[in-house]
Amino acid sequence: MANTPTITQWVLGGHSRGGGMAARFAQLYADELSGLLLIGTSLPKEPAFDLSTITLPVMKIYATNDGLASVAEGHS
């Protein structure tokens, strides 16, 4: 990010485990991002990576039959 100063907004995203890693990064560096996209993933459940206090816009995409990210988790 520091090596590309012409890009002024960054949205980080990931699918499955990549989504969990993206969420961890976003929790640590929320001030450097413009958004977070999570696809078919559960948020990291470790207390150290709680996203409830960040003000970053987050979009979560899940499917009814994906077997991982439930509708209930999508609204938490």
PDB file of N, CA and C in Angstrom:
ATOM      1  N   MET A   1       0.826  -1.181   0.000  1.00  0.00           N
ATOM      2  CA  MET A   1       0.000   0.000   0.000  1.00  0.00           C
ATOM      3  C   MET A   1       0.873   1.249   0.000  1.00  0.00           C
ATOM      4  N   ALA A   2       1.913   1.224   0.784  1.00  0.00           N
ATOM      5  CA  ALA A   2       2.809   2.378   0.846  1.00  0.00           C
ATOM      6  C   ALA A   2       3.561   2.579  -0.464  1.00  0.00           C
ATOM      7  N   ASN A   3       3.737   1.519  -1.222  1.00  0.00           N
ATOM      8  CA  ASN A   3       4.477   1.613  -2.482  1.00  0.00           C
ATOM      9  C   ASN A   3       3.626   2.076  -3.653  1.00  0.00           C
ATOM     10  N   THR A   4       2.336   2.285  -3.439  1.00  0.00           N
ATOM     11  CA  THR A   4       1.446   2.735  -4.510  1.00  0.00           C
ATOM     12  C   THR A   4       0.634   3.941  -4.038  1.00  0.00           C
ATOM     13  N   PRO A   5       1.280   5.087  -3.890  1.00  0.00           N
ATOM     14  CA  PRO A   5       0.589   6.266  -3.353  1.00  0.00           C
ATOM     15  C   PRO A   5      -0.502   6.809  -4.266  1.00  0.00           C
ATOM     16  N   THR A   6      -0.532   6.410  -5.532  1.00  0.00           N
ATOM     17  CA  THR A   6      -1.587   6.895  -6.426  1.00  0.00           C
ATOM     18  C   THR A   6      -2.925   6.228  -6.138  1.00  0.00           C
ATOM     19  N   ILE A   7      -2.915   5.109  -5.449  1.00  0.00           N
ATOM     20  CA  ILE A   7      -4.155   4.462  -5.023  1.00  0.00           C
ATOM     21  C   ILE A   7      -4.487   5.011  -3.641  1.00  0.00           C
ATOM     22  N   THR A   8      -5.628   5.673  -3.543  1.00  0.00           N
ATOM     23  CA  THR A   8      -5.965   6.355  -2.291  1.00  0.00           C
ATOM     24  C   THR A   8      -6.989   5.616  -1.450  1.00  0.00           C
ATOM     25  N   GLN A   9      -7.667   4.625  -2.031  1.00  0.00           N
ATOM     26  CA  GLN A   9      -8.643   3.850  -1.264  1.00  0.00           C
ATOM     27  C   GLN A   9      -8.403   2.368  -1.495  1.00  0.00           C
ATOM     28  N   TRP A  10      -8.408   1.617  -0.417  1.00  0.00           N
ATOM     29  CA  TRP A  10      -8.188   0.177  -0.474  1.00  0.00           C
ATOM     30  C   TRP A  10      -9.355  -0.548   0.176  1.00  0.00           C
ATOM     31  N   VAL A  11      -9.865  -1.549  -0.512  1.00  0.00           N
ATOM     32  CA  VAL A  11     -10.880  -2.446   0.046  1.00  0.00           C
ATOM     33  C   VAL A  11     -10.253  -3.828   0.038  1.00  0.00           C
ATOM     34  N   LEU A  12     -10.239  -4.458   1.172  1.00  0.00           N
ATOM     35  CA  LEU A  12      -9.631  -5.775   1.312  1.00  0.00           C
ATOM     36  C   LEU A  12     -10.727  -6.818   1.369  1.00  0.00           C
ATOM     37  N   GLY A  13     -10.528  -7.940   0.700  1.00  0.00           N
ATOM     38  CA  GLY A  13     -11.525  -8.986   0.719  1.00  0.00           C
ATOM     39  C   GLY A  13     -10.894 -10.359   0.711  1.00  0.00           C
ATOM     40  N   GLY A  14     -11.706 -11.343   1.034  1.00  0.00           N
ATOM     41  CA  GLY A  14     -11.226 -12.707   1.012  1.00  0.00           C
ATOM     42  C   GLY A  14     -12.365 -13.694   1.095  1.00  0.00           C
ATOM     43  N   HIS A  15     -12.081 -14.898   0.613  1.00  0.00           N
ATOM     44  CA  HIS A  15     -13.042 -16.000   0.630  1.00  0.00           C
ATOM     45  C   HIS A  15     -12.553 -17.065   1.596  1.00  0.00           C
ATOM     46  N   SER A  16     -13.453 -17.642   2.351  1.00  0.00           N
ATOM     47  CA  SER A  16     -13.157 -18.731   3.272  1.00  0.00           C
ATOM     48  C   SER A  16     -12.055 -18.310   4.246  1.00  0.00           C
ATOM     49  N   ARG A  17     -10.973 -19.051   4.312  1.00  0.00           N
ATOM     50  CA  ARG A  17      -9.884 -18.681   5.244  1.00  0.00           C
ATOM     51  C   ARG A  17      -9.251 -17.353   4.887  1.00  0.00           C
ATOM     52  N   GLY A  18      -9.255 -17.035   3.597  1.00  0.00           N
ATOM     53  CA  GLY A  18      -8.740 -15.731   3.171  1.00  0.00           C
ATOM     54  C   GLY A  18      -9.572 -14.591   3.746  1.00  0.00           C
ATOM     55  N   GLY A  19     -10.878 -14.829   3.907  1.00  0.00           N
ATOM     56  CA  GLY A  19     -11.743 -13.838   4.532  1.00  0.00           C
ATOM     57  C   GLY A  19     -11.394 -13.644   5.995  1.00  0.00           C
ATOM     58  N   GLY A  20     -11.072 -14.738   6.663  1.00  0.00           N
ATOM     59  CA  GLY A  20     -10.644 -14.631   8.053  1.00  0.00           C
ATOM     60  C   GLY A  20      -9.349 -13.845   8.184  1.00  0.00           C
ATOM     61  N   MET A  21      -8.429 -14.098   7.273  1.00  0.00           N
ATOM     62  CA  MET A  21      -7.164 -13.354   7.290  1.00  0.00           C
ATOM     63  C   MET A  21      -7.396 -11.879   6.971  1.00  0.00           C
ATOM     64  N   ALA A  22      -8.278 -11.600   6.010  1.00  0.00           N
ATOM     65  CA  ALA A  22      -8.598 -10.213   5.669  1.00  0.00           C
ATOM     66  C   ALA A  22      -9.224  -9.503   6.868  1.00  0.00           C
ATOM     67  N   ALA A  23     -10.096 -10.195   7.600  1.00  0.00           N
ATOM     68  CA  ALA A  23     -10.727  -9.608   8.779  1.00  0.00           C
ATOM     69  C   ALA A  23      -9.694  -9.295   9.854  1.00  0.00           C
ATOM     70  N   ARG A  24      -8.737 -10.175  10.036  1.00  0.00           N
ATOM     71  CA  ARG A  24      -7.678  -9.921  11.021  1.00  0.00           C
ATOM     72  C   ARG A  24      -6.873  -8.687  10.627  1.00  0.00           C
ATOM     73  N   PHE A  25      -6.506  -8.594   9.349  1.00  0.00           N
ATOM     74  CA  PHE A  25      -5.755  -7.444   8.864  1.00  0.00           C
ATOM     75  C   PHE A  25      -6.575  -6.168   9.067  1.00  0.00           C
ATOM     76  N   ALA A  26      -7.859  -6.232   8.720  1.00  0.00           N
ATOM     77  CA  ALA A  26      -8.724  -5.061   8.848  1.00  0.00           C
ATOM     78  C   ALA A  26      -8.838  -4.606  10.294  1.00  0.00           C
ATOM     79  N   GLN A  27      -8.878  -5.537  11.219  1.00  0.00           N
ATOM     80  CA  GLN A  27      -8.979  -5.162  12.628  1.00  0.00           C
ATOM     81  C   GLN A  27      -7.721  -4.422  13.069  1.00  0.00           C
ATOM     82  N   LEU A  28      -6.589  -4.840  12.563  1.00  0.00           N
ATOM     83  CA  LEU A  28      -5.322  -4.217  12.949  1.00  0.00           C
ATOM     84  C   LEU A  28      -5.051  -2.908  12.213  1.00  0.00           C
ATOM     85  N   TYR A  29      -5.513  -2.796  10.971  1.00  0.00           N
ATOM     86  CA  TYR A  29      -5.172  -1.655  10.117  1.00  0.00           C
ATOM     87  C   TYR A  29      -6.406  -0.983   9.523  1.00  0.00           C
ATOM     88  N   ALA A  30      -7.490  -0.911  10.262  1.00  0.00           N
ATOM     89  CA  ALA A  30      -8.749  -0.347   9.762  1.00  0.00           C
ATOM     90  C   ALA A  30      -8.587   1.077   9.243  1.00  0.00           C
ATOM     91  N   ASP A  31      -7.721   1.854   9.847  1.00  0.00           N
ATOM     92  CA  ASP A  31      -7.533   3.241   9.438  1.00  0.00           C
ATOM     93  C   ASP A  31      -6.934   3.367   8.038  1.00  0.00           C
ATOM     94  N   GLU A  32      -6.329   2.306   7.535  1.00  0.00           N
ATOM     95  CA  GLU A  32      -5.699   2.338   6.221  1.00  0.00           C
ATOM     96  C   GLU A  32      -6.599   1.778   5.124  1.00  0.00           C
ATOM     97  N   LEU A  33      -7.790   1.297   5.490  1.00  0.00           N
ATOM     98  CA  LEU A  33      -8.700   0.674   4.530  1.00  0.00           C
ATOM     99  C   LEU A  33      -9.971   1.490   4.358  1.00  0.00           C
ATOM    100  N   SER A  34     -10.628   1.291   3.202  1.00  0.00           N
ATOM    101  CA  SER A  34     -11.911   1.937   2.944  1.00  0.00           C
ATOM    102  C   SER A  34     -13.070   0.965   3.105  1.00  0.00           C
ATOM    103  N   GLY A  35     -12.781  -0.333   3.177  1.00  0.00           N
ATOM    104  CA  GLY A  35     -13.831  -1.321   3.329  1.00  0.00           C
ATOM    105  C   GLY A  35     -13.273  -2.722   3.442  1.00  0.00           C
ATOM    106  N   LEU A  36     -14.150  -3.638   3.827  1.00  0.00           N
ATOM    107  CA  LEU A  36     -13.799  -5.050   3.985  1.00  0.00           C
ATOM    108  C   LEU A  36     -14.906  -5.883   3.358  1.00  0.00           C
ATOM    109  N   LEU A  37     -14.528  -6.857   2.524  1.00  0.00           N
ATOM    110  CA  LEU A  37     -15.465  -7.762   1.865  1.00  0.00           C
ATOM    111  C   LEU A  37     -15.164  -9.181   2.307  1.00  0.00           C
ATOM    112  N   LEU A  38     -16.149  -9.844   2.902  1.00  0.00           N
ATOM    113  CA  LEU A  38     -15.995 -11.221   3.369  1.00  0.00           C
ATOM    114  C   LEU A  38     -16.924 -12.112   2.553  1.00  0.00           C
ATOM    115  N   ILE A  39     -16.377 -13.162   1.978  1.00  0.00           N
ATOM    116  CA  ILE A  39     -17.155 -14.060   1.120  1.00  0.00           C
ATOM    117  C   ILE A  39     -17.067 -15.475   1.679  1.00  0.00           C
ATOM    118  N   GLY A  40     -18.210 -16.056   2.043  1.00  0.00           N
ATOM    119  CA  GLY A  40     -18.264 -17.439   2.502  1.00  0.00           C
ATOM    120  C   GLY A  40     -17.315 -17.739   3.639  1.00  0.00           C
ATOM    121  N   THR A  41     -17.349 -16.936   4.662  1.00  0.00           N
ATOM    122  CA  THR A  41     -16.436 -17.129   5.787  1.00  0.00           C
ATOM    123  C   THR A  41     -17.121 -16.788   7.100  1.00  0.00           C
ATOM    124  N   SER A  42     -16.613 -17.346   8.166  1.00  0.00           N
ATOM    125  CA  SER A  42     -16.986 -16.916   9.507  1.00  0.00           C
ATOM    126  C   SER A  42     -15.920 -15.923   9.939  1.00  0.00           C
ATOM    127  N   LEU A  43     -16.332 -14.924  10.673  1.00  0.00           N
ATOM    128  CA  LEU A  43     -15.340 -13.972  11.170  1.00  0.00           C
ATOM    129  C   LEU A  43     -14.385 -14.680  12.109  1.00  0.00           C
ATOM    130  N   PRO A  44     -13.187 -14.175  12.259  1.00  0.00           N
ATOM    131  CA  PRO A  44     -12.307 -14.758  13.277  1.00  0.00           C
ATOM    132  C   PRO A  44     -13.000 -14.686  14.624  1.00  0.00           C
ATOM    133  N   LYS A  45     -12.994 -15.765  15.327  1.00  0.00           N
ATOM    134  CA  LYS A  45     -13.709 -15.821  16.600  1.00  0.00           C
ATOM    135  C   LYS A  45     -12.809 -15.522  17.799  1.00  0.00           C
ATOM    136  N   GLU A  46     -11.524 -15.310  17.546  1.00  0.00           N
ATOM    137  CA  GLU A  46     -10.612 -14.991  18.636  1.00  0.00           C
ATOM    138  C   GLU A  46     -10.917 -13.589  19.160  1.00  0.00           C
ATOM    139  N   PRO A  47     -10.998 -13.409  20.474  1.00  0.00           N
ATOM    140  CA  PRO A  47     -11.277 -12.092  21.046  1.00  0.00           C
ATOM    141  C   PRO A  47     -10.288 -11.012  20.589  1.00  0.00           C
ATOM    142  N   ALA A  48      -9.069 -11.375  20.302  1.00  0.00           N
ATOM    143  CA  ALA A  48      -8.068 -10.397  19.874  1.00  0.00           C
ATOM    144  C   ALA A  48      -8.411  -9.791  18.521  1.00  0.00           C
ATOM    145  N   PHE A  49      -9.272 -10.454  17.741  1.00  0.00           N
ATOM    146  CA  PHE A  49      -9.630  -9.961  16.412  1.00  0.00           C
ATOM    147  C   PHE A  49     -11.116  -9.621  16.317  1.00  0.00           C
ATOM    148  N   ASP A  50     -11.681  -9.091  17.379  1.00  0.00           N
ATOM    149  CA  ASP A  50     -13.082  -8.679  17.421  1.00  0.00           C
ATOM    150  C   ASP A  50     -13.274  -7.459  16.517  1.00  0.00           C
ATOM    151  N   LEU A  51     -14.202  -7.542  15.558  1.00  0.00           N
ATOM    152  CA  LEU A  51     -14.451  -6.444  14.630  1.00  0.00           C
ATOM    153  C   LEU A  51     -15.603  -5.536  15.063  1.00  0.00           C
ATOM    154  N   SER A  52     -16.167  -5.779  16.220  1.00  0.00           N
ATOM    155  CA  SER A  52     -17.369  -5.041  16.622  1.00  0.00           C
ATOM    156  C   SER A  52     -17.128  -3.558  16.859  1.00  0.00           C
ATOM    157  N   THR A  53     -15.916  -3.149  17.073  1.00  0.00           N
ATOM    158  CA  THR A  53     -15.656  -1.745  17.370  1.00  0.00           C
ATOM    159  C   THR A  53     -15.079  -0.957  16.196  1.00  0.00           C
ATOM    160  N   ILE A  54     -14.786  -1.612  15.089  1.00  0.00           N
ATOM    161  CA  ILE A  54     -14.235  -0.856  13.964  1.00  0.00           C
ATOM    162  C   ILE A  54     -15.355  -0.102  13.255  1.00  0.00           C
ATOM    163  N   THR A  55     -15.017   1.016  12.644  1.00  0.00           N
ATOM    164  CA  THR A  55     -15.998   1.824  11.931  1.00  0.00           C
ATOM    165  C   THR A  55     -15.899   1.618  10.417  1.00  0.00           C
ATOM    166  N   LEU A  56     -15.172   0.645  10.011  1.00  0.00           N
ATOM    167  CA  LEU A  56     -14.960   0.319   8.606  1.00  0.00           C
ATOM    168  C   LEU A  56     -16.211  -0.328   8.003  1.00  0.00           C
ATOM    169  N   PRO A  57     -16.651   0.111   6.817  1.00  0.00           N
ATOM    170  CA  PRO A  57     -17.783  -0.561   6.171  1.00  0.00           C
ATOM    171  C   PRO A  57     -17.410  -2.011   5.834  1.00  0.00           C
ATOM    172  N   VAL A  58     -18.304  -2.944   6.136  1.00  0.00           N
ATOM    173  CA  VAL A  58     -18.062  -4.366   5.891  1.00  0.00           C
ATOM    174  C   VAL A  58     -19.240  -4.933   5.110  1.00  0.00           C
ATOM    175  N   MET A  59     -18.935  -5.708   4.061  1.00  0.00           N
ATOM    176  CA  MET A  59     -19.961  -6.439   3.327  1.00  0.00           C
ATOM    177  C   MET A  59     -19.631  -7.916   3.443  1.00  0.00           C
ATOM    178  N   LYS A  60     -20.638  -8.712   3.816  1.00  0.00           N
ATOM    179  CA  LYS A  60     -20.453 -10.151   3.933  1.00  0.00           C
ATOM    180  C   LYS A  60     -21.388 -10.842   2.959  1.00  0.00           C
ATOM    181  N   ILE A  61     -20.827 -11.702   2.136  1.00  0.00           N
ATOM    182  CA  ILE A  61     -21.605 -12.471   1.167  1.00  0.00           C
ATOM    183  C   ILE A  61     -21.589 -13.926   1.610  1.00  0.00           C
ATOM    184  N   TYR A  62     -22.776 -14.502   1.707  1.00  0.00           N
ATOM    185  CA  TYR A  62     -22.889 -15.899   2.099  1.00  0.00           C
ATOM    186  C   TYR A  62     -24.017 -16.529   1.313  1.00  0.00           C
ATOM    187  N   ALA A  63     -24.036 -17.843   1.277  1.00  0.00           N
ATOM    188  CA  ALA A  63     -25.079 -18.570   0.554  1.00  0.00           C
ATOM    189  C   ALA A  63     -25.812 -19.490   1.525  1.00  0.00           C
ATOM    190  N   THR A  64     -27.032 -19.814   1.197  1.00  0.00           N
ATOM    191  CA  THR A  64     -27.828 -20.625   2.105  1.00  0.00           C
ATOM    192  C   THR A  64     -27.305 -22.044   2.237  1.00  0.00           C
ATOM    193  N   ASN A  65     -26.579 -22.532   1.251  1.00  0.00           N
ATOM    194  CA  ASN A  65     -26.084 -23.910   1.305  1.00  0.00           C
ATOM    195  C   ASN A  65     -24.567 -24.012   1.360  1.00  0.00           C
ATOM    196  N   ASP A  66     -23.886 -22.958   1.774  1.00  0.00           N
ATOM    197  CA  ASP A  66     -22.423 -23.042   1.765  1.00  0.00           C
ATOM    198  C   ASP A  66     -21.856 -23.860   2.919  1.00  0.00           C
ATOM    199  N   GLY A  67     -22.660 -24.107   3.951  1.00  0.00           N
ATOM    200  CA  GLY A  67     -22.236 -24.976   5.045  1.00  0.00           C
ATOM    201  C   GLY A  67     -21.240 -24.345   6.000  1.00  0.00           C
ATOM    202  N   LEU A  68     -20.925 -23.084   5.837  1.00  0.00           N
ATOM    203  CA  LEU A  68     -19.941 -22.444   6.721  1.00  0.00           C
ATOM    204  C   LEU A  68     -20.503 -21.182   7.350  1.00  0.00           C
ATOM    205  N   ALA A  69     -20.846 -20.211   6.548  1.00  0.00           N
ATOM    206  CA  ALA A  69     -21.336 -18.920   7.065  1.00  0.00           C
ATOM    207  C   ALA A  69     -22.864 -18.940   7.014  1.00  0.00           C
ATOM    208  N   SER A  70     -23.477 -19.001   8.157  1.00  0.00           N
ATOM    209  CA  SER A  70     -24.935 -19.101   8.224  1.00  0.00           C
ATOM    210  C   SER A  70     -25.595 -17.726   8.121  1.00  0.00           C
ATOM    211  N   VAL A  71     -26.904 -17.735   7.883  1.00  0.00           N
ATOM    212  CA  VAL A  71     -27.672 -16.492   7.850  1.00  0.00           C
ATOM    213  C   VAL A  71     -27.561 -15.797   9.194  1.00  0.00           C
ATOM    214  N   ALA A  72     -27.632 -16.526  10.292  1.00  0.00           N
ATOM    215  CA  ALA A  72     -27.522 -15.931  11.619  1.00  0.00           C
ATOM    216  C   ALA A  72     -26.173 -15.237  11.800  1.00  0.00           C
ATOM    217  N   GLU A  73     -25.098 -15.854  11.309  1.00  0.00           N
ATOM    218  CA  GLU A  73     -23.781 -15.225  11.423  1.00  0.00           C
ATOM    219  C   GLU A  73     -23.704 -13.964  10.572  1.00  0.00           C
ATOM    220  N   GLY A  74     -24.434 -13.952   9.482  1.00  0.00           N
ATOM    221  CA  GLY A  74     -24.436 -12.802   8.587  1.00  0.00           C
ATOM    222  C   GLY A  74     -25.046 -11.562   9.210  1.00  0.00           C
ATOM    223  N   HIS A  75     -25.810 -11.751  10.264  1.00  0.00           N
ATOM    224  CA  HIS A  75     -26.444 -10.616  10.939  1.00  0.00           C
ATOM    225  C   HIS A  75     -25.842 -10.328  12.290  1.00  0.00           C
ATOM    226  N   SER A  76     -24.735 -10.952  12.582  1.00  0.00           N
ATOM    227  CA  SER A  76     -24.132 -10.700  13.908  1.00  0.00           C
ATOM    228  C   SER A  76     -23.177  -9.537  13.879  1.00  0.00           C
TER     229      SER A  76
END
